[in-house]
Amino acid sequence: MPPQLYSRYQYCASFTDPVTGKLLLTDREPFRYAPFADNRQHLVRQGDSLPKLAARYFSPIPDAALLWWIIADFQPDPIFDPTIVLEPGAALIIPSVRTVLTEIFDESRRDL
């Protein structure tokens, strides 16, 4: 089954492992931080999590909480373990909905 719309694996290619016959995905290339003028800074509060922040900041997008990986990838020092508790007082950079839709999910990234 191909990755769903807005999946973090949307731009991966699939291939069949010649030894096991299993369908596998190529490595995922994260978008990474970019200094867009419409980025926001969020100071982490007790109880914040990546899915909660994604739901809050990307709310116009369906199932926005599933886009937690965008916030994790977008940090100047990316977050590789989404299960860690965010440190209260830490500053996170949040891309705008415009950035998500027109930059991160830009079809030209398929060639990467």
C-alpha atoms as a PDB file:
ATOM      1  CA  MET A   1       0.000   0.000   0.000  1.00  0.00           C
ATOM      2  CA  PRO A   2       1.493   3.394  -0.925  1.00  0.00           C
ATOM      3  CA  PRO A   3       1.999   6.021   1.793  1.00  0.00           C
ATOM      4  CA  GLN A   4      -1.056   8.135   2.473  1.00  0.00           C
ATOM      5  CA  LEU A   5      -1.410  11.866   1.765  1.00  0.00           C
ATOM      6  CA  TYR A   6       0.685  13.912   4.241  1.00  0.00           C
ATOM      7  CA  SER A   7       2.609  10.839   5.349  1.00  0.00           C
ATOM      8  CA  ARG A   8       6.245  11.360   6.298  1.00  0.00           C
ATOM      9  CA  TYR A   9       6.996   8.542   3.854  1.00  0.00           C
ATOM     10  CA  GLN A  10       5.140  10.200   0.947  1.00  0.00           C
ATOM     11  CA  TYR A  11       8.338  10.869  -1.012  1.00  0.00           C
ATOM     12  CA  CYS A  12      10.003   7.510  -0.428  1.00  0.00           C
ATOM     13  CA  ALA A  13      10.234   4.956  -3.189  1.00  0.00           C
ATOM     14  CA  SER A  14       9.320   1.337  -2.634  1.00  0.00           C
ATOM     15  CA  PHE A  15      11.230  -1.707  -3.812  1.00  0.00           C
ATOM     16  CA  THR A  16      11.050  -5.445  -3.340  1.00  0.00           C
ATOM     17  CA  ASP A  17      13.926  -6.995  -1.411  1.00  0.00           C
ATOM     18  CA  PRO A  18      15.334  -9.672  -3.726  1.00  0.00           C
ATOM     19  CA  VAL A  19      16.254 -11.939  -0.806  1.00  0.00           C
ATOM     20  CA  THR A  20      13.127 -11.781   1.342  1.00  0.00           C
ATOM     21  CA  GLY A  21      10.583 -10.700  -1.267  1.00  0.00           C
ATOM     22  CA  LYS A  22       9.283  -8.046   1.183  1.00  0.00           C
ATOM     23  CA  LEU A  23       8.227  -4.608  -0.021  1.00  0.00           C
ATOM     24  CA  LEU A  24      10.510  -1.981   1.559  1.00  0.00           C
ATOM     25  CA  LEU A  25      10.811   1.807   1.455  1.00  0.00           C
ATOM     26  CA  THR A  26      13.911   3.812   0.650  1.00  0.00           C
ATOM     27  CA  ASP A  27      15.314   6.150   3.286  1.00  0.00           C
ATOM     28  CA  ARG A  28      13.246   9.230   4.037  1.00  0.00           C
ATOM     29  CA  GLU A  29      14.865  12.607   3.445  1.00  0.00           C
ATOM     30  CA  PRO A  30      13.625  15.014   6.165  1.00  0.00           C
ATOM     31  CA  PHE A  31      12.682  18.537   5.097  1.00  0.00           C
ATOM     32  CA  ARG A  32      14.934  20.129   7.750  1.00  0.00           C
ATOM     33  CA  TYR A  33      14.851  23.651   9.144  1.00  0.00           C
ATOM     34  CA  ALA A  34      14.550  26.644   6.813  1.00  0.00           C
ATOM     35  CA  PRO A  35      14.367  30.296   7.964  1.00  0.00           C
ATOM     36  CA  PHE A  36      10.999  31.252   6.442  1.00  0.00           C
ATOM     37  CA  ALA A  37       9.546  34.635   7.442  1.00  0.00           C
ATOM     38  CA  ASP A  38       6.309  33.014   8.650  1.00  0.00           C
ATOM     39  CA  ASN A  39       7.937  30.525  11.051  1.00  0.00           C
ATOM     40  CA  ARG A  40       6.725  30.734  14.647  1.00  0.00           C
ATOM     41  CA  GLN A  41       8.529  30.101  17.876  1.00  0.00           C
ATOM     42  CA  HIS A  42       6.784  28.073  20.568  1.00  0.00           C
ATOM     43  CA  LEU A  43       8.005  27.893  24.144  1.00  0.00           C
ATOM     44  CA  VAL A  44       7.264  24.421  25.431  1.00  0.00           C
ATOM     45  CA  ARG A  45       4.901  24.220  28.412  1.00  0.00           C
ATOM     46  CA  GLN A  46       4.301  21.303  30.743  1.00  0.00           C
ATOM     47  CA  GLY A  47       2.171  18.715  28.930  1.00  0.00           C
ATOM     48  CA  ASP A  48       3.091  19.797  25.404  1.00  0.00           C
ATOM     49  CA  SER A  49       3.833  17.010  22.946  1.00  0.00           C
ATOM     50  CA  LEU A  50       4.653  16.977  19.262  1.00  0.00           C
ATOM     51  CA  PRO A  51       1.186  15.650  18.264  1.00  0.00           C
ATOM     52  CA  LYS A  52      -0.572  18.277  20.436  1.00  0.00           C
ATOM     53  CA  LEU A  53       1.508  21.066  18.909  1.00  0.00           C
ATOM     54  CA  ALA A  54       0.874  19.791  15.389  1.00  0.00           C
ATOM     55  CA  ALA A  55      -2.879  19.644  16.083  1.00  0.00           C
ATOM     56  CA  ARG A  56      -2.780  23.216  17.377  1.00  0.00           C
ATOM     57  CA  TYR A  57      -0.613  24.868  14.729  1.00  0.00           C
ATOM     58  CA  PHE A  58      -1.677  22.842  11.677  1.00  0.00           C
ATOM     59  CA  SER A  59      -5.399  22.664  12.517  1.00  0.00           C
ATOM     60  CA  PRO A  60      -6.627  23.617   9.003  1.00  0.00           C
ATOM     61  CA  ILE A  61      -5.085  20.369   7.716  1.00  0.00           C
ATOM     62  CA  PRO A  62      -7.124  17.170   8.283  1.00  0.00           C
ATOM     63  CA  ASP A  63      -5.685  14.897  10.994  1.00  0.00           C
ATOM     64  CA  ALA A  64      -3.121  17.579  11.853  1.00  0.00           C
ATOM     65  CA  ALA A  65      -1.844  15.739  14.942  1.00  0.00           C
ATOM     66  CA  LEU A  66      -0.371  13.101  12.615  1.00  0.00           C
ATOM     67  CA  LEU A  67       1.972  15.784  11.263  1.00  0.00           C
ATOM     68  CA  TRP A  68       4.043  15.826  14.484  1.00  0.00           C
ATOM     69  CA  TRP A  69       7.018  14.626  12.426  1.00  0.00           C
ATOM     70  CA  ILE A  70       7.132  17.963  10.571  1.00  0.00           C
ATOM     71  CA  ILE A  71       7.823  19.826  13.802  1.00  0.00           C
ATOM     72  CA  ALA A  72      10.414  17.203  14.797  1.00  0.00           C
ATOM     73  CA  ASP A  73      12.197  17.454  11.415  1.00  0.00           C
ATOM     74  CA  PHE A  74      11.977  21.253  11.216  1.00  0.00           C
ATOM     75  CA  GLN A  75      14.105  22.009  14.277  1.00  0.00           C
ATOM     76  CA  PRO A  76      17.638  23.369  13.707  1.00  0.00           C
ATOM     77  CA  ASP A  77      18.656  20.373  15.839  1.00  0.00           C
ATOM     78  CA  PRO A  78      16.045  17.794  14.676  1.00  0.00           C
ATOM     79  CA  ILE A  79      14.182  15.664  17.196  1.00  0.00           C
ATOM     80  CA  PHE A  80      14.862  12.028  16.336  1.00  0.00           C
ATOM     81  CA  ASP A  81      12.892  10.393  19.151  1.00  0.00           C
ATOM     82  CA  PRO A  82       9.271  11.601  19.172  1.00  0.00           C
ATOM     83  CA  THR A  83       8.577   9.720  22.410  1.00  0.00           C
ATOM     84  CA  ILE A  84      10.803  11.919  24.567  1.00  0.00           C
ATOM     85  CA  VAL A  85       9.100  14.410  26.851  1.00  0.00           C
ATOM     86  CA  LEU A  86       9.584  17.956  25.598  1.00  0.00           C
ATOM     87  CA  GLU A  87      11.538  20.105  28.049  1.00  0.00           C
ATOM     88  CA  PRO A  88       9.392  22.988  29.442  1.00  0.00           C
ATOM     89  CA  GLY A  89      10.911  26.314  28.432  1.00  0.00           C
ATOM     90  CA  ALA A  90      12.586  24.898  25.318  1.00  0.00           C
ATOM     91  CA  ALA A  91      11.997  26.884  22.139  1.00  0.00           C
ATOM     92  CA  LEU A  92      10.651  25.026  19.110  1.00  0.00           C
ATOM     93  CA  ILE A  93      10.384  26.457  15.616  1.00  0.00           C
ATOM     94  CA  ILE A  94       6.993  25.765  14.045  1.00  0.00           C
ATOM     95  CA  PRO A  95       6.582  26.115  10.285  1.00  0.00           C
ATOM     96  CA  SER A  96       3.415  27.792   9.021  1.00  0.00           C
ATOM     97  CA  VAL A  97       0.570  25.924   7.338  1.00  0.00           C
ATOM     98  CA  ARG A  98       1.700  27.644   4.121  1.00  0.00           C
ATOM     99  CA  THR A  99       5.172  26.131   4.530  1.00  0.00           C
ATOM    100  CA  VAL A 100       3.706  22.693   5.191  1.00  0.00           C
ATOM    101  CA  LEU A 101       1.464  22.743   2.138  1.00  0.00           C
ATOM    102  CA  THR A 102       3.626  24.612  -0.392  1.00  0.00           C
ATOM    103  CA  GLU A 103       7.179  23.712   0.650  1.00  0.00           C
ATOM    104  CA  ILE A 104       7.231  20.458   2.630  1.00  0.00           C
ATOM    105  CA  PHE A 105       4.575  18.731   0.504  1.00  0.00           C
ATOM    106  CA  ASP A 106       5.807  20.245  -2.756  1.00  0.00           C
ATOM    107  CA  GLU A 107       5.761  17.618  -5.522  1.00  0.00           C
ATOM    108  CA  SER A 108       9.193  18.708  -6.749  1.00  0.00           C
ATOM    109  CA  ARG A 109      10.655  17.075  -3.606  1.00  0.00           C
ATOM    110  CA  ARG A 110       9.915  13.671  -5.166  1.00  0.00           C
ATOM    111  CA  ASP A 111      13.101  14.030  -7.177  1.00  0.00           C
ATOM    112  CA  LEU A 112      15.258  14.208  -4.029  1.00  0.00           C
END
